[in-house]
N, C-alpha and C. Protein backbone atom coordinates (compact mmCIF):
# COMPACT_ATOMS: atom_id res chain seq x y z
N MET A 1 -17.93 -11.07 -4.01
CA MET A 1 -17.00 -10.11 -4.60
C MET A 1 -16.21 -9.37 -3.51
N HIS A 2 -16.90 -8.91 -2.47
CA HIS A 2 -16.23 -8.11 -1.45
C HIS A 2 -15.45 -8.95 -0.44
N ASP A 3 -15.76 -10.23 -0.34
CA ASP A 3 -15.10 -11.09 0.63
C ASP A 3 -13.99 -11.93 0.02
N GLN A 4 -13.68 -11.68 -1.24
CA GLN A 4 -12.67 -12.52 -1.88
C GLN A 4 -11.28 -12.19 -1.35
N GLU A 5 -10.48 -13.20 -1.20
CA GLU A 5 -9.07 -13.02 -0.88
C GLU A 5 -8.33 -14.18 -1.51
N ASN A 6 -7.56 -13.87 -2.51
CA ASN A 6 -6.79 -14.88 -3.24
C ASN A 6 -7.67 -15.96 -3.84
N THR A 7 -8.87 -15.59 -4.31
CA THR A 7 -9.76 -16.56 -4.93
C THR A 7 -9.71 -16.47 -6.45
N ASN A 8 -9.02 -15.48 -6.97
CA ASN A 8 -8.90 -15.27 -8.42
C ASN A 8 -10.25 -15.06 -9.09
N LEU A 9 -11.22 -14.53 -8.37
CA LEU A 9 -12.55 -14.31 -8.92
C LEU A 9 -12.50 -13.41 -10.14
N ILE A 10 -11.81 -12.29 -10.04
CA ILE A 10 -11.72 -11.36 -11.17
C ILE A 10 -11.05 -12.04 -12.36
N ALA A 11 -9.98 -12.78 -12.10
CA ALA A 11 -9.27 -13.48 -13.19
C ALA A 11 -10.17 -14.50 -13.86
N ARG A 12 -10.97 -15.21 -13.06
CA ARG A 12 -11.89 -16.20 -13.65
C ARG A 12 -12.95 -15.51 -14.50
N TRP A 13 -13.52 -14.41 -13.99
CA TRP A 13 -14.53 -13.69 -14.77
C TRP A 13 -13.91 -13.11 -16.05
N GLU A 14 -12.69 -12.60 -15.93
CA GLU A 14 -12.01 -12.04 -17.10
C GLU A 14 -11.79 -13.13 -18.16
N ALA A 15 -11.39 -14.32 -17.73
CA ALA A 15 -11.18 -15.42 -18.67
C ALA A 15 -12.50 -15.85 -19.33
N GLN A 16 -13.58 -15.79 -18.56
CA GLN A 16 -14.87 -16.23 -19.07
C GLN A 16 -15.56 -15.16 -19.93
N TYR A 17 -15.50 -13.88 -19.50
CA TYR A 17 -16.28 -12.82 -20.15
C TYR A 17 -15.46 -11.79 -20.91
N GLY A 18 -14.15 -11.81 -20.76
CA GLY A 18 -13.31 -10.80 -21.39
C GLY A 18 -12.93 -9.72 -20.40
N PRO A 19 -12.20 -8.69 -20.85
CA PRO A 19 -11.65 -7.70 -19.93
C PRO A 19 -12.67 -6.69 -19.38
N THR A 20 -13.87 -6.63 -19.96
CA THR A 20 -14.89 -5.69 -19.47
C THR A 20 -16.21 -6.44 -19.31
N PHE A 21 -16.79 -6.35 -18.12
CA PHE A 21 -18.03 -7.08 -17.86
C PHE A 21 -18.81 -6.38 -16.76
N VAL A 22 -20.07 -6.76 -16.60
CA VAL A 22 -20.95 -6.22 -15.58
C VAL A 22 -21.21 -7.33 -14.56
N TYR A 23 -21.21 -6.97 -13.30
CA TYR A 23 -21.58 -7.92 -12.25
C TYR A 23 -22.57 -7.23 -11.33
N ARG A 24 -23.25 -8.00 -10.52
CA ARG A 24 -24.23 -7.46 -9.58
C ARG A 24 -23.55 -7.15 -8.26
N GLY A 25 -23.71 -5.92 -7.80
CA GLY A 25 -23.14 -5.49 -6.53
C GLY A 25 -24.17 -5.52 -5.43
N PHE A 26 -24.00 -4.67 -4.45
CA PHE A 26 -24.87 -4.58 -3.29
C PHE A 26 -26.31 -4.32 -3.73
N VAL A 27 -27.24 -5.05 -3.20
CA VAL A 27 -28.67 -4.95 -3.49
C VAL A 27 -28.93 -5.09 -4.99
N GLY A 28 -28.13 -5.87 -5.66
CA GLY A 28 -28.35 -6.17 -7.07
C GLY A 28 -28.00 -5.07 -8.04
N ALA A 29 -27.36 -4.02 -7.59
CA ALA A 29 -26.99 -2.92 -8.48
C ALA A 29 -25.91 -3.38 -9.45
N CYS A 30 -26.01 -2.90 -10.68
CA CYS A 30 -25.03 -3.27 -11.70
C CYS A 30 -23.73 -2.50 -11.49
N ARG A 31 -22.63 -3.20 -11.62
CA ARG A 31 -21.29 -2.61 -11.52
C ARG A 31 -20.52 -2.98 -12.77
N LEU A 32 -19.86 -2.02 -13.37
CA LEU A 32 -19.03 -2.25 -14.54
C LEU A 32 -17.60 -2.46 -14.08
N MET A 33 -16.97 -3.52 -14.55
CA MET A 33 -15.58 -3.84 -14.20
C MET A 33 -14.80 -3.93 -15.49
N THR A 34 -13.63 -3.30 -15.51
CA THR A 34 -12.75 -3.45 -16.66
C THR A 34 -11.32 -3.65 -16.19
N THR A 35 -10.63 -4.52 -16.89
CA THR A 35 -9.20 -4.71 -16.67
C THR A 35 -8.44 -4.36 -17.95
N ASP A 36 -9.15 -3.81 -18.92
CA ASP A 36 -8.56 -3.41 -20.19
C ASP A 36 -7.67 -2.19 -19.98
N PRO A 37 -6.36 -2.30 -20.23
CA PRO A 37 -5.45 -1.18 -19.97
C PRO A 37 -5.81 0.10 -20.74
N VAL A 38 -6.33 -0.03 -21.95
CA VAL A 38 -6.71 1.15 -22.73
C VAL A 38 -7.91 1.84 -22.08
N ALA A 39 -8.90 1.05 -21.65
CA ALA A 39 -10.07 1.62 -20.99
C ALA A 39 -9.68 2.27 -19.67
N ILE A 40 -8.82 1.61 -18.90
CA ILE A 40 -8.38 2.16 -17.62
C ILE A 40 -7.63 3.47 -17.84
N ALA A 41 -6.76 3.51 -18.84
CA ALA A 41 -6.02 4.74 -19.14
C ALA A 41 -6.99 5.86 -19.51
N HIS A 42 -8.02 5.53 -20.28
CA HIS A 42 -9.00 6.54 -20.66
C HIS A 42 -9.74 7.06 -19.42
N ILE A 43 -10.19 6.15 -18.56
CA ILE A 43 -10.93 6.54 -17.36
C ILE A 43 -10.07 7.42 -16.45
N LEU A 44 -8.84 6.99 -16.22
CA LEU A 44 -7.95 7.77 -15.35
C LEU A 44 -7.56 9.09 -15.98
N GLY A 45 -7.42 9.12 -17.30
CA GLY A 45 -7.07 10.36 -18.00
C GLY A 45 -8.23 11.34 -18.10
N ASN A 46 -9.45 10.86 -17.88
CA ASN A 46 -10.65 11.70 -17.92
C ASN A 46 -11.45 11.51 -16.64
N ALA A 47 -10.76 11.55 -15.52
CA ALA A 47 -11.36 11.20 -14.23
C ALA A 47 -12.55 12.09 -13.88
N TYR A 48 -12.54 13.34 -14.33
CA TYR A 48 -13.65 14.22 -13.99
C TYR A 48 -14.95 13.81 -14.68
N ASP A 49 -14.84 13.04 -15.74
CA ASP A 49 -16.03 12.52 -16.43
C ASP A 49 -16.55 11.23 -15.80
N TYR A 50 -15.77 10.65 -14.87
CA TYR A 50 -16.13 9.39 -14.22
C TYR A 50 -16.04 9.54 -12.70
N PRO A 51 -16.99 10.24 -12.10
CA PRO A 51 -16.92 10.43 -10.64
C PRO A 51 -17.05 9.09 -9.91
N LYS A 52 -16.43 9.04 -8.75
CA LYS A 52 -16.47 7.82 -7.94
C LYS A 52 -17.87 7.65 -7.35
N PRO A 53 -18.35 6.41 -7.29
CA PRO A 53 -19.63 6.17 -6.62
C PRO A 53 -19.52 6.50 -5.13
N ASP A 54 -20.65 6.82 -4.53
CA ASP A 54 -20.66 7.19 -3.11
C ASP A 54 -20.04 6.11 -2.23
N PHE A 55 -20.30 4.82 -2.52
CA PHE A 55 -19.76 3.76 -1.66
C PHE A 55 -18.23 3.73 -1.74
N VAL A 56 -17.67 4.07 -2.89
CA VAL A 56 -16.21 4.12 -3.02
C VAL A 56 -15.66 5.31 -2.25
N ARG A 57 -16.29 6.45 -2.42
CA ARG A 57 -15.84 7.65 -1.70
C ARG A 57 -15.93 7.44 -0.19
N ASP A 58 -17.03 6.82 0.28
CA ASP A 58 -17.17 6.56 1.71
C ASP A 58 -16.10 5.59 2.22
N SER A 59 -15.80 4.57 1.42
CA SER A 59 -14.76 3.61 1.82
C SER A 59 -13.40 4.29 1.89
N LEU A 60 -13.07 5.11 0.89
CA LEU A 60 -11.79 5.83 0.89
C LEU A 60 -11.72 6.80 2.06
N ALA A 61 -12.82 7.48 2.34
CA ALA A 61 -12.86 8.42 3.45
C ALA A 61 -12.61 7.71 4.77
N ALA A 62 -13.21 6.54 4.93
CA ALA A 62 -13.04 5.79 6.17
C ALA A 62 -11.62 5.25 6.33
N MET A 63 -10.99 4.90 5.20
CA MET A 63 -9.65 4.32 5.27
C MET A 63 -8.57 5.34 5.57
N ALA A 64 -8.65 6.51 4.95
CA ALA A 64 -7.50 7.38 5.08
C ALA A 64 -7.79 8.86 4.92
N ALA A 65 -8.56 9.22 3.94
CA ALA A 65 -8.55 10.59 3.48
C ALA A 65 -9.57 11.50 4.12
N GLY A 66 -10.58 10.96 4.77
CA GLY A 66 -11.67 11.80 5.22
C GLY A 66 -12.51 12.20 4.01
N HIS A 67 -13.59 12.89 4.24
CA HIS A 67 -14.49 13.24 3.13
C HIS A 67 -14.02 14.44 2.33
N GLU A 68 -13.01 15.15 2.81
CA GLU A 68 -12.52 16.33 2.09
C GLU A 68 -11.11 16.13 1.54
N GLY A 69 -10.62 14.89 1.51
CA GLY A 69 -9.26 14.63 1.06
C GLY A 69 -9.17 14.48 -0.46
N ILE A 70 -7.98 14.48 -0.97
CA ILE A 70 -7.71 14.41 -2.41
C ILE A 70 -8.29 13.15 -3.03
N LEU A 71 -8.37 12.07 -2.28
CA LEU A 71 -8.89 10.82 -2.84
C LEU A 71 -10.41 10.80 -2.94
N THR A 72 -11.09 11.68 -2.23
CA THR A 72 -12.54 11.59 -2.17
C THR A 72 -13.28 12.77 -2.78
N VAL A 73 -12.67 13.94 -2.82
CA VAL A 73 -13.39 15.09 -3.38
C VAL A 73 -13.45 14.98 -4.90
N GLU A 74 -14.39 15.67 -5.48
CA GLU A 74 -14.59 15.66 -6.94
C GLU A 74 -14.60 17.10 -7.45
N GLY A 75 -14.55 17.23 -8.76
CA GLY A 75 -14.74 18.52 -9.41
C GLY A 75 -13.73 19.57 -9.04
N ASP A 76 -14.23 20.81 -8.81
CA ASP A 76 -13.36 21.96 -8.55
C ASP A 76 -12.52 21.80 -7.29
N ASP A 77 -13.09 21.17 -6.25
CA ASP A 77 -12.32 20.94 -5.03
C ASP A 77 -11.12 20.04 -5.31
N HIS A 78 -11.34 18.99 -6.11
CA HIS A 78 -10.24 18.10 -6.47
C HIS A 78 -9.20 18.83 -7.31
N LYS A 79 -9.64 19.63 -8.27
CA LYS A 79 -8.70 20.39 -9.11
C LYS A 79 -7.83 21.31 -8.27
N ARG A 80 -8.44 22.00 -7.28
CA ARG A 80 -7.69 22.90 -6.42
C ARG A 80 -6.65 22.14 -5.60
N GLN A 81 -7.05 21.01 -5.00
CA GLN A 81 -6.11 20.23 -4.20
C GLN A 81 -5.01 19.64 -5.06
N ARG A 82 -5.37 19.18 -6.24
CA ARG A 82 -4.37 18.61 -7.15
C ARG A 82 -3.34 19.66 -7.57
N LYS A 83 -3.80 20.88 -7.82
CA LYS A 83 -2.89 21.97 -8.21
C LYS A 83 -1.88 22.25 -7.09
N ILE A 84 -2.35 22.19 -5.85
CA ILE A 84 -1.47 22.43 -4.70
C ILE A 84 -0.43 21.31 -4.58
N LEU A 85 -0.84 20.06 -4.82
CA LEU A 85 0.05 18.92 -4.64
C LEU A 85 0.98 18.64 -5.82
N THR A 86 0.65 19.13 -6.99
CA THR A 86 1.41 18.79 -8.20
C THR A 86 2.92 19.00 -8.07
N PRO A 87 3.39 20.10 -7.52
CA PRO A 87 4.86 20.27 -7.44
C PRO A 87 5.56 19.16 -6.64
N ALA A 88 4.87 18.61 -5.65
CA ALA A 88 5.49 17.55 -4.84
C ALA A 88 5.69 16.27 -5.62
N PHE A 89 4.98 16.12 -6.75
CA PHE A 89 5.07 14.90 -7.53
C PHE A 89 5.74 15.11 -8.88
N SER A 90 6.46 16.21 -9.02
CA SER A 90 7.20 16.44 -10.27
C SER A 90 8.36 15.45 -10.35
N ALA A 91 8.81 15.20 -11.55
CA ALA A 91 9.91 14.24 -11.75
C ALA A 91 11.16 14.66 -10.98
N SER A 92 11.49 15.93 -11.01
CA SER A 92 12.71 16.38 -10.33
C SER A 92 12.58 16.23 -8.80
N HIS A 93 11.40 16.49 -8.26
CA HIS A 93 11.23 16.35 -6.82
C HIS A 93 11.29 14.88 -6.41
N ILE A 94 10.63 14.01 -7.16
CA ILE A 94 10.67 12.58 -6.86
C ILE A 94 12.11 12.07 -6.96
N LYS A 95 12.84 12.55 -7.98
CA LYS A 95 14.24 12.14 -8.14
C LYS A 95 15.07 12.57 -6.93
N SER A 96 14.77 13.72 -6.38
CA SER A 96 15.53 14.19 -5.21
C SER A 96 15.26 13.32 -3.98
N LEU A 97 14.14 12.59 -3.97
CA LEU A 97 13.80 11.73 -2.84
C LEU A 97 14.34 10.31 -2.99
N THR A 98 14.90 10.00 -4.15
CA THR A 98 15.39 8.65 -4.42
C THR A 98 16.33 8.12 -3.34
N PRO A 99 17.26 8.91 -2.82
CA PRO A 99 18.13 8.37 -1.76
C PRO A 99 17.35 7.89 -0.53
N ILE A 100 16.27 8.57 -0.19
CA ILE A 100 15.46 8.13 0.96
C ILE A 100 14.80 6.79 0.65
N PHE A 101 14.18 6.69 -0.55
CA PHE A 101 13.54 5.43 -0.94
C PHE A 101 14.56 4.29 -0.95
N TRP A 102 15.71 4.55 -1.53
CA TRP A 102 16.75 3.53 -1.66
C TRP A 102 17.24 3.09 -0.28
N ASP A 103 17.49 4.05 0.60
CA ASP A 103 17.98 3.73 1.93
C ASP A 103 16.98 2.88 2.70
N LYS A 104 15.71 3.26 2.67
CA LYS A 104 14.71 2.50 3.42
C LYS A 104 14.46 1.13 2.79
N ALA A 105 14.52 1.03 1.46
CA ALA A 105 14.37 -0.27 0.80
C ALA A 105 15.52 -1.19 1.18
N THR A 106 16.73 -0.66 1.22
CA THR A 106 17.90 -1.45 1.60
C THR A 106 17.79 -1.88 3.06
N GLN A 107 17.36 -0.97 3.91
CA GLN A 107 17.18 -1.30 5.33
C GLN A 107 16.12 -2.38 5.50
N LEU A 108 15.01 -2.27 4.77
CA LEU A 108 13.96 -3.28 4.84
C LEU A 108 14.46 -4.63 4.33
N ARG A 109 15.21 -4.62 3.23
CA ARG A 109 15.78 -5.86 2.72
C ARG A 109 16.65 -6.54 3.76
N ASP A 110 17.49 -5.78 4.42
CA ASP A 110 18.38 -6.34 5.44
C ASP A 110 17.60 -6.94 6.61
N ILE A 111 16.52 -6.27 7.01
CA ILE A 111 15.68 -6.78 8.10
C ILE A 111 15.03 -8.09 7.70
N LEU A 112 14.47 -8.14 6.50
CA LEU A 112 13.80 -9.36 6.04
C LEU A 112 14.78 -10.51 5.87
N LEU A 113 15.97 -10.23 5.36
CA LEU A 113 17.00 -11.27 5.26
C LEU A 113 17.42 -11.76 6.64
N SER A 114 17.52 -10.83 7.58
CA SER A 114 17.88 -11.21 8.94
C SER A 114 16.81 -12.11 9.55
N GLN A 115 15.55 -11.80 9.30
CA GLN A 115 14.47 -12.66 9.80
C GLN A 115 14.50 -14.02 9.13
N ALA A 116 14.79 -14.04 7.84
CA ALA A 116 14.87 -15.32 7.13
C ALA A 116 16.00 -16.17 7.69
N ASP A 117 17.12 -15.55 8.00
CA ASP A 117 18.24 -16.28 8.59
C ASP A 117 17.92 -16.76 10.00
N ALA A 118 17.14 -15.99 10.74
CA ALA A 118 16.81 -16.34 12.12
C ALA A 118 15.76 -17.45 12.19
N HIS A 119 15.02 -17.67 11.11
CA HIS A 119 13.96 -18.69 11.07
C HIS A 119 14.14 -19.52 9.80
N PRO A 120 15.21 -20.29 9.71
CA PRO A 120 15.58 -20.91 8.44
C PRO A 120 14.72 -22.09 7.99
N ASN A 121 13.97 -22.72 8.84
CA ASN A 121 13.30 -23.96 8.45
C ASN A 121 11.78 -23.83 8.37
N GLY A 122 11.32 -22.72 7.87
CA GLY A 122 9.90 -22.57 7.63
C GLY A 122 9.09 -22.09 8.82
N ALA A 123 9.73 -21.77 9.92
CA ALA A 123 9.00 -21.26 11.07
C ALA A 123 8.52 -19.84 10.78
N ASP A 124 7.45 -19.44 11.45
CA ASP A 124 6.97 -18.07 11.27
C ASP A 124 7.99 -17.10 11.83
N ALA A 125 8.26 -16.08 11.06
CA ALA A 125 9.21 -15.05 11.48
C ALA A 125 8.43 -13.76 11.66
N THR A 126 7.77 -13.62 12.79
CA THR A 126 6.94 -12.43 13.01
C THR A 126 7.52 -11.50 14.06
N ALA A 127 8.54 -11.93 14.76
CA ALA A 127 9.12 -11.09 15.80
C ALA A 127 10.08 -10.10 15.19
N SER A 128 10.59 -9.21 16.04
CA SER A 128 11.60 -8.25 15.58
C SER A 128 12.81 -9.00 15.08
N PRO A 129 13.52 -8.42 14.13
CA PRO A 129 14.67 -9.12 13.56
C PRO A 129 15.77 -9.36 14.58
N THR A 130 16.39 -10.51 14.44
CA THR A 130 17.53 -10.87 15.27
C THR A 130 18.72 -11.06 14.33
N PRO A 131 19.80 -10.32 14.54
CA PRO A 131 20.94 -10.49 13.65
C PRO A 131 21.44 -11.93 13.67
N ASN A 132 21.59 -12.50 12.51
CA ASN A 132 22.09 -13.87 12.39
C ASN A 132 22.60 -14.02 10.97
N ASN A 133 23.86 -14.09 10.81
CA ASN A 133 24.44 -14.17 9.47
C ASN A 133 24.90 -15.57 9.13
N SER A 134 24.26 -16.58 9.71
CA SER A 134 24.72 -17.94 9.49
C SER A 134 24.33 -18.49 8.12
N ASN A 135 23.36 -17.83 7.46
CA ASN A 135 22.92 -18.27 6.13
C ASN A 135 22.61 -19.76 6.10
N THR A 136 21.84 -20.20 7.09
CA THR A 136 21.51 -21.62 7.17
C THR A 136 20.11 -21.88 6.64
N ARG A 137 19.72 -21.25 5.55
CA ARG A 137 18.39 -21.46 4.98
C ARG A 137 18.33 -22.84 4.35
N GLN A 138 17.58 -23.74 5.00
CA GLN A 138 17.43 -25.11 4.52
C GLN A 138 15.97 -25.49 4.64
N GLY A 139 15.57 -26.54 3.95
CA GLY A 139 14.21 -27.03 4.08
C GLY A 139 13.20 -26.04 3.54
N ASN A 140 12.10 -25.89 4.26
CA ASN A 140 11.06 -24.97 3.84
C ASN A 140 11.53 -23.53 4.00
N PRO A 141 11.14 -22.67 3.07
CA PRO A 141 11.52 -21.26 3.24
C PRO A 141 10.78 -20.66 4.42
N PRO A 142 11.37 -19.67 5.06
CA PRO A 142 10.71 -19.04 6.21
C PRO A 142 9.46 -18.29 5.76
N ARG A 143 8.49 -18.20 6.66
CA ARG A 143 7.28 -17.43 6.41
C ARG A 143 7.42 -16.12 7.16
N ILE A 144 7.43 -15.03 6.41
CA ILE A 144 7.59 -13.70 7.01
C ILE A 144 6.39 -12.86 6.61
N ASP A 145 5.71 -12.30 7.60
CA ASP A 145 4.61 -11.40 7.32
C ASP A 145 5.21 -10.04 6.97
N VAL A 146 5.26 -9.73 5.69
CA VAL A 146 5.95 -8.52 5.26
C VAL A 146 5.08 -7.27 5.37
N LEU A 147 3.76 -7.42 5.44
CA LEU A 147 2.88 -6.26 5.47
C LEU A 147 3.20 -5.29 6.61
N PRO A 148 3.38 -5.77 7.85
CA PRO A 148 3.74 -4.81 8.91
C PRO A 148 5.07 -4.12 8.64
N TRP A 149 6.01 -4.85 8.05
CA TRP A 149 7.32 -4.25 7.74
C TRP A 149 7.19 -3.22 6.62
N LEU A 150 6.35 -3.49 5.63
CA LEU A 150 6.13 -2.50 4.57
C LEU A 150 5.48 -1.25 5.13
N ALA A 151 4.54 -1.42 6.07
CA ALA A 151 3.89 -0.27 6.70
C ALA A 151 4.91 0.56 7.47
N ARG A 152 5.80 -0.12 8.17
CA ARG A 152 6.83 0.60 8.94
C ARG A 152 7.78 1.35 8.01
N ALA A 153 8.19 0.70 6.92
CA ALA A 153 9.07 1.36 5.95
C ALA A 153 8.37 2.56 5.33
N THR A 154 7.08 2.40 5.02
CA THR A 154 6.30 3.49 4.45
C THR A 154 6.24 4.67 5.41
N LEU A 155 6.01 4.40 6.69
CA LEU A 155 5.99 5.47 7.67
C LEU A 155 7.33 6.20 7.72
N ASP A 156 8.41 5.44 7.69
CA ASP A 156 9.73 6.08 7.68
C ASP A 156 9.93 6.96 6.45
N VAL A 157 9.52 6.46 5.28
CA VAL A 157 9.67 7.23 4.04
C VAL A 157 8.82 8.49 4.09
N ILE A 158 7.56 8.36 4.51
CA ILE A 158 6.68 9.53 4.58
C ILE A 158 7.24 10.55 5.57
N GLY A 159 7.72 10.08 6.71
CA GLY A 159 8.28 10.99 7.69
C GLY A 159 9.45 11.77 7.15
N LEU A 160 10.39 11.06 6.52
CA LEU A 160 11.58 11.73 6.00
C LEU A 160 11.30 12.58 4.76
N ALA A 161 10.61 11.98 3.79
CA ALA A 161 10.39 12.68 2.52
C ALA A 161 9.36 13.80 2.65
N GLY A 162 8.34 13.59 3.46
CA GLY A 162 7.27 14.57 3.54
C GLY A 162 7.46 15.62 4.61
N PHE A 163 8.12 15.24 5.72
CA PHE A 163 8.17 16.15 6.86
C PHE A 163 9.56 16.35 7.44
N GLY A 164 10.56 15.64 6.89
CA GLY A 164 11.90 15.75 7.43
C GLY A 164 12.00 15.21 8.85
N TYR A 165 11.11 14.29 9.21
CA TYR A 165 11.07 13.72 10.55
C TYR A 165 11.46 12.25 10.49
N THR A 166 12.30 11.84 11.41
CA THR A 166 12.75 10.46 11.45
C THR A 166 11.95 9.68 12.50
N PHE A 167 11.09 8.77 12.03
CA PHE A 167 10.34 7.90 12.93
C PHE A 167 11.17 6.72 13.40
N ASN A 168 12.06 6.23 12.53
CA ASN A 168 12.82 5.01 12.79
C ASN A 168 11.89 3.85 13.10
N ALA A 169 10.77 3.77 12.40
CA ALA A 169 9.79 2.71 12.65
C ALA A 169 10.35 1.33 12.32
N LEU A 170 11.31 1.26 11.40
CA LEU A 170 11.91 -0.03 11.07
C LEU A 170 12.80 -0.57 12.17
N THR A 171 13.36 0.32 12.96
CA THR A 171 14.34 -0.13 13.95
C THR A 171 13.98 0.17 15.39
N ASP A 172 13.02 1.07 15.62
CA ASP A 172 12.69 1.49 16.98
C ASP A 172 11.21 1.20 17.24
N ASP A 173 10.95 0.29 18.17
CA ASP A 173 9.57 -0.11 18.48
C ASP A 173 8.91 0.82 19.50
N THR A 174 9.53 1.94 19.83
CA THR A 174 8.99 2.78 20.90
C THR A 174 8.37 4.07 20.41
N ASP A 175 8.34 4.35 19.11
CA ASP A 175 7.81 5.62 18.62
C ASP A 175 6.32 5.73 18.92
N GLU A 176 5.95 6.77 19.64
CA GLU A 176 4.57 6.94 20.10
C GLU A 176 3.59 7.12 18.93
N LEU A 177 3.97 7.90 17.92
CA LEU A 177 3.08 8.12 16.78
C LEU A 177 2.90 6.85 15.97
N ALA A 178 3.96 6.10 15.78
CA ALA A 178 3.86 4.84 15.05
C ALA A 178 2.90 3.88 15.75
N HIS A 179 2.94 3.85 17.08
CA HIS A 179 2.02 3.01 17.83
C HIS A 179 0.59 3.54 17.71
N ALA A 180 0.44 4.85 17.80
CA ALA A 180 -0.91 5.45 17.74
C ALA A 180 -1.57 5.19 16.39
N ARG A 181 -0.83 5.18 15.32
CA ARG A 181 -1.37 4.97 13.98
C ARG A 181 -1.48 3.48 13.65
N GLY A 182 -1.06 2.61 14.55
CA GLY A 182 -1.22 1.18 14.34
C GLY A 182 -0.11 0.55 13.51
N PHE A 183 0.96 1.30 13.21
CA PHE A 183 2.06 0.72 12.45
C PHE A 183 2.85 -0.26 13.30
N LEU A 184 2.87 -0.01 14.59
CA LEU A 184 3.59 -0.90 15.50
C LEU A 184 2.61 -1.43 16.53
N SER A 185 2.65 -2.71 16.75
CA SER A 185 1.85 -3.33 17.82
C SER A 185 2.57 -4.57 18.24
N SER A 186 2.04 -5.23 19.22
CA SER A 186 2.73 -6.42 19.73
C SER A 186 2.90 -7.48 18.66
N GLY A 187 1.96 -7.56 17.70
CA GLY A 187 2.08 -8.55 16.65
C GLY A 187 2.98 -8.14 15.51
N ASN A 188 3.30 -6.85 15.42
CA ASN A 188 4.08 -6.35 14.29
C ASN A 188 5.52 -6.04 14.63
N SER A 189 5.84 -5.96 15.89
CA SER A 189 7.19 -5.53 16.23
C SER A 189 8.11 -6.68 16.46
């Protein structure tokens, strides 16, 4: 279960057992899995009645939030943090950020198209983009690792929308913070 990558394990179990089933987790512990949209909506709408298991909280803490972050705390601590963050996620505030999202999405599209043009016959396109408008895409489509580019675009959006700071991670491979956080490395730039 934990080592799957593109194995369609969940899809196979869903086809065999339906949208809600139990599987055995670590040390044989039972885990409930659901892909039922109504059940998921209920769980998310009543999150305080469904606390995260310790292994999930520990995984989230290790990935990003720490043990006191919004993704990992429960109960009153979560309610307090959520109340503080709610204005940042109002419809009007998100709408005001749309130009930033649009600009970075357009910039990312242009970079990916440039890489596709620079590697037209199925070669790996992992290097920094090289302007090439020849539109000579023939044969096999180019292979582009988009994950590092999505991370860079995300850093740019967070910098601008959250802090008014321009990282230019999509276009500048020298930003010290982007390197420190692992968004830029020799394999990603």
